[in-house]
Amino acid sequence: MQKEFTTQEIQKRVDDFIGQFKEGYFSPLAMIARLTEEVGELAREVNHYYGEKPKKTTEKEKTVEEELGDVLFVIASFANSLDIDLSESFERSMSKFETRDKDRWTKK
């Protein structure tokens, strides 16, 4: 069974990894570029698996799961570099959605 991680554990693990290198975290501008790059790779995989563009036979096999993990790593890195707690950020966002969008769609 795979371990489940809290957002704090994810952020700490990323920080421990990045902290072993002199370069440290990238600048916010470089982080947003990295995030955009990873989201593009995720989009490409989604298009291959669920869209109309099949992979070329010469393309390396990746998965949507792998690309989502890459996006999560960059998001944790970005949050860490700006001293943002992802749990607090997520709580604020969910509260907004749960209030603003509570009647937006058809309930089950």
C-alpha atoms as a PDB file:
ATOM      1  CA  MET A   1       0.000   0.000   0.000  1.00  0.00           C
ATOM      2  CA  GLN A   2       1.314   3.449  -0.889  1.00  0.00           C
ATOM      3  CA  LYS A   3       1.707   6.073   1.793  1.00  0.00           C
ATOM      4  CA  GLU A   4      -0.639   9.033   1.781  1.00  0.00           C
ATOM      5  CA  PHE A   5       0.911  12.450   2.379  1.00  0.00           C
ATOM      6  CA  THR A   6      -0.474  15.592   3.923  1.00  0.00           C
ATOM      7  CA  THR A   7       0.250  18.846   2.150  1.00  0.00           C
ATOM      8  CA  GLN A   8       2.690  19.695   4.947  1.00  0.00           C
ATOM      9  CA  GLU A   9       4.535  16.421   4.369  1.00  0.00           C
ATOM     10  CA  ILE A  10       4.645  17.073   0.627  1.00  0.00           C
ATOM     11  CA  GLN A  11       6.009  20.562   1.149  1.00  0.00           C
ATOM     12  CA  LYS A  12       8.604  19.332   3.669  1.00  0.00           C
ATOM     13  CA  ARG A  13       9.761  16.507   1.410  1.00  0.00           C
ATOM     14  CA  VAL A  14      10.155  18.923  -1.499  1.00  0.00           C
ATOM     15  CA  ASP A  15      11.960  21.406   0.762  1.00  0.00           C
ATOM     16  CA  ASP A  16      14.315  18.679   1.996  1.00  0.00           C
ATOM     17  CA  PHE A  17      15.089  17.742  -1.599  1.00  0.00           C
ATOM     18  CA  ILE A  18      15.635  21.313  -2.818  1.00  0.00           C
ATOM     19  CA  GLY A  19      17.552  22.230   0.346  1.00  0.00           C
ATOM     20  CA  GLN A  20      20.413  19.885  -0.522  1.00  0.00           C
ATOM     21  CA  PHE A  21      21.396  22.046  -3.501  1.00  0.00           C
ATOM     22  CA  LYS A  22      23.246  25.388  -3.390  1.00  0.00           C
ATOM     23  CA  GLU A  23      20.972  26.847  -6.055  1.00  0.00           C
ATOM     24  CA  GLY A  24      17.854  26.468  -3.887  1.00  0.00           C
ATOM     25  CA  TYR A  25      14.472  27.462  -5.227  1.00  0.00           C
ATOM     26  CA  PHE A  26      14.054  29.148  -8.585  1.00  0.00           C
ATOM     27  CA  SER A  27      12.702  32.702  -8.796  1.00  0.00           C
ATOM     28  CA  PRO A  28       8.911  33.153  -8.952  1.00  0.00           C
ATOM     29  CA  LEU A  29       9.142  33.933 -12.674  1.00  0.00           C
ATOM     30  CA  ALA A  30      11.137  30.751 -13.324  1.00  0.00           C
ATOM     31  CA  MET A  31       8.667  28.795 -11.154  1.00  0.00           C
ATOM     32  CA  ILE A  32       5.675  29.940 -13.177  1.00  0.00           C
ATOM     33  CA  ALA A  33       7.533  29.003 -16.341  1.00  0.00           C
ATOM     34  CA  ARG A  34       8.243  25.537 -14.884  1.00  0.00           C
ATOM     35  CA  LEU A  35       4.609  25.149 -13.857  1.00  0.00           C
ATOM     36  CA  THR A  36       3.450  26.157 -17.333  1.00  0.00           C
ATOM     37  CA  GLU A  37       5.860  23.641 -18.852  1.00  0.00           C
ATOM     38  CA  GLU A  38       4.595  20.829 -16.626  1.00  0.00           C
ATOM     39  CA  VAL A  39       0.931  21.689 -17.249  1.00  0.00           C
ATOM     40  CA  GLY A  40       1.725  21.606 -20.978  1.00  0.00           C
ATOM     41  CA  GLU A  41       3.194  18.118 -20.580  1.00  0.00           C
ATOM     42  CA  LEU A  42       0.070  17.070 -18.660  1.00  0.00           C
ATOM     43  CA  ALA A  43      -2.122  18.476 -21.430  1.00  0.00           C
ATOM     44  CA  ARG A  44      -0.130  16.544 -24.012  1.00  0.00           C
ATOM     45  CA  GLU A  45      -0.627  13.275 -22.120  1.00  0.00           C
ATOM     46  CA  VAL A  46      -4.356  13.917 -21.662  1.00  0.00           C
ATOM     47  CA  ASN A  47      -4.601  14.600 -25.392  1.00  0.00           C
ATOM     48  CA  HIS A  48      -2.801  11.323 -26.151  1.00  0.00           C
ATOM     49  CA  TYR A  49      -4.979   9.213 -23.862  1.00  0.00           C
ATOM     50  CA  TYR A  50      -8.349  10.943 -24.137  1.00  0.00           C
ATOM     51  CA  GLY A  51      -8.075  13.168 -27.194  1.00  0.00           C
ATOM     52  CA  GLU A  52      -7.637  12.784 -30.887  1.00  0.00           C
ATOM     53  CA  LYS A  53      -3.841  12.849 -31.025  1.00  0.00           C
ATOM     54  CA  PRO A  54      -2.264   9.415 -30.547  1.00  0.00           C
ATOM     55  CA  LYS A  55       1.366   9.148 -29.483  1.00  0.00           C
ATOM     56  CA  LYS A  56       4.015   8.587 -32.098  1.00  0.00           C
ATOM     57  CA  THR A  57       5.606   5.165 -31.837  1.00  0.00           C
ATOM     58  CA  THR A  58       8.933   6.892 -31.103  1.00  0.00           C
ATOM     59  CA  GLU A  59       7.575   8.889 -28.117  1.00  0.00           C
ATOM     60  CA  LYS A  60       8.516   7.863 -24.590  1.00  0.00           C
ATOM     61  CA  GLU A  61       5.687   6.350 -22.571  1.00  0.00           C
ATOM     62  CA  LYS A  62       4.485   8.669 -19.801  1.00  0.00           C
ATOM     63  CA  THR A  63       1.257   8.746 -17.890  1.00  0.00           C
ATOM     64  CA  VAL A  64      -1.229  11.353 -16.755  1.00  0.00           C
ATOM     65  CA  GLU A  65      -0.452  10.212 -13.200  1.00  0.00           C
ATOM     66  CA  GLU A  66       3.268  10.928 -13.668  1.00  0.00           C
ATOM     67  CA  GLU A  67       2.581  14.366 -15.117  1.00  0.00           C
ATOM     68  CA  LEU A  68       0.169  15.235 -12.294  1.00  0.00           C
ATOM     69  CA  GLY A  69       2.948  14.303  -9.860  1.00  0.00           C
ATOM     70  CA  ASP A  70       5.323  16.654 -11.676  1.00  0.00           C
ATOM     71  CA  VAL A  71       2.745  19.465 -11.455  1.00  0.00           C
ATOM     72  CA  LEU A  72       2.316  18.791  -7.730  1.00  0.00           C
ATOM     73  CA  PHE A  73       6.092  18.914  -7.187  1.00  0.00           C
ATOM     74  CA  VAL A  74       6.355  22.292  -8.919  1.00  0.00           C
ATOM     75  CA  ILE A  75       3.331  23.664  -7.034  1.00  0.00           C
ATOM     76  CA  ALA A  76       4.902  22.582  -3.724  1.00  0.00           C
ATOM     77  CA  SER A  77       8.219  24.134  -4.787  1.00  0.00           C
ATOM     78  CA  PHE A  78       6.498  27.366  -5.789  1.00  0.00           C
ATOM     79  CA  ALA A  79       4.576  27.520  -2.500  1.00  0.00           C
ATOM     80  CA  ASN A  80       7.709  26.815  -0.484  1.00  0.00           C
ATOM     81  CA  SER A  81       9.704  29.468  -2.315  1.00  0.00           C
ATOM     82  CA  LEU A  82       7.061  32.053  -1.371  1.00  0.00           C
ATOM     83  CA  ASP A  83       6.510  30.663   2.163  1.00  0.00           C
ATOM     84  CA  ILE A  84       2.907  29.712   1.397  1.00  0.00           C
ATOM     85  CA  ASP A  85       1.208  26.902   3.306  1.00  0.00           C
ATOM     86  CA  LEU A  86      -0.702  24.865   0.715  1.00  0.00           C
ATOM     87  CA  SER A  87      -3.201  23.615   3.327  1.00  0.00           C
ATOM     88  CA  GLU A  88      -4.167  27.185   4.188  1.00  0.00           C
ATOM     89  CA  SER A  89      -4.273  28.151   0.524  1.00  0.00           C
ATOM     90  CA  PHE A  90      -6.453  25.146  -0.302  1.00  0.00           C
ATOM     91  CA  GLU A  91      -8.802  25.857   2.622  1.00  0.00           C
ATOM     92  CA  ARG A  92      -9.347  29.438   1.447  1.00  0.00           C
ATOM     93  CA  SER A  93     -10.034  28.271  -2.104  1.00  0.00           C
ATOM     94  CA  MET A  94     -12.411  25.493  -1.093  1.00  0.00           C
ATOM     95  CA  SER A  95     -14.342  27.813   1.210  1.00  0.00           C
ATOM     96  CA  LYS A  96     -14.722  30.237  -1.684  1.00  0.00           C
ATOM     97  CA  PHE A  97     -15.928  27.501  -4.059  1.00  0.00           C
ATOM     98  CA  GLU A  98     -18.253  25.958  -1.457  1.00  0.00           C
ATOM     99  CA  THR A  99     -19.874  29.345  -0.899  1.00  0.00           C
ATOM    100  CA  ARG A 100     -19.839  30.922  -4.341  1.00  0.00           C
ATOM    101  CA  ASP A 101     -20.586  27.765  -6.335  1.00  0.00           C
ATOM    102  CA  LYS A 102     -22.800  25.842  -3.893  1.00  0.00           C
ATOM    103  CA  ASP A 103     -25.873  26.200  -6.132  1.00  0.00           C
ATOM    104  CA  ARG A 104     -24.128  26.390  -9.481  1.00  0.00           C
ATOM    105  CA  TRP A 105     -24.659  22.772 -10.583  1.00  0.00           C
ATOM    106  CA  THR A 106     -27.352  20.143 -10.160  1.00  0.00           C
ATOM    107  CA  LYS A 107     -27.007  18.339  -6.808  1.00  0.00           C
ATOM    108  CA  LYS A 108     -27.126  14.538  -6.682  1.00  0.00           C
END
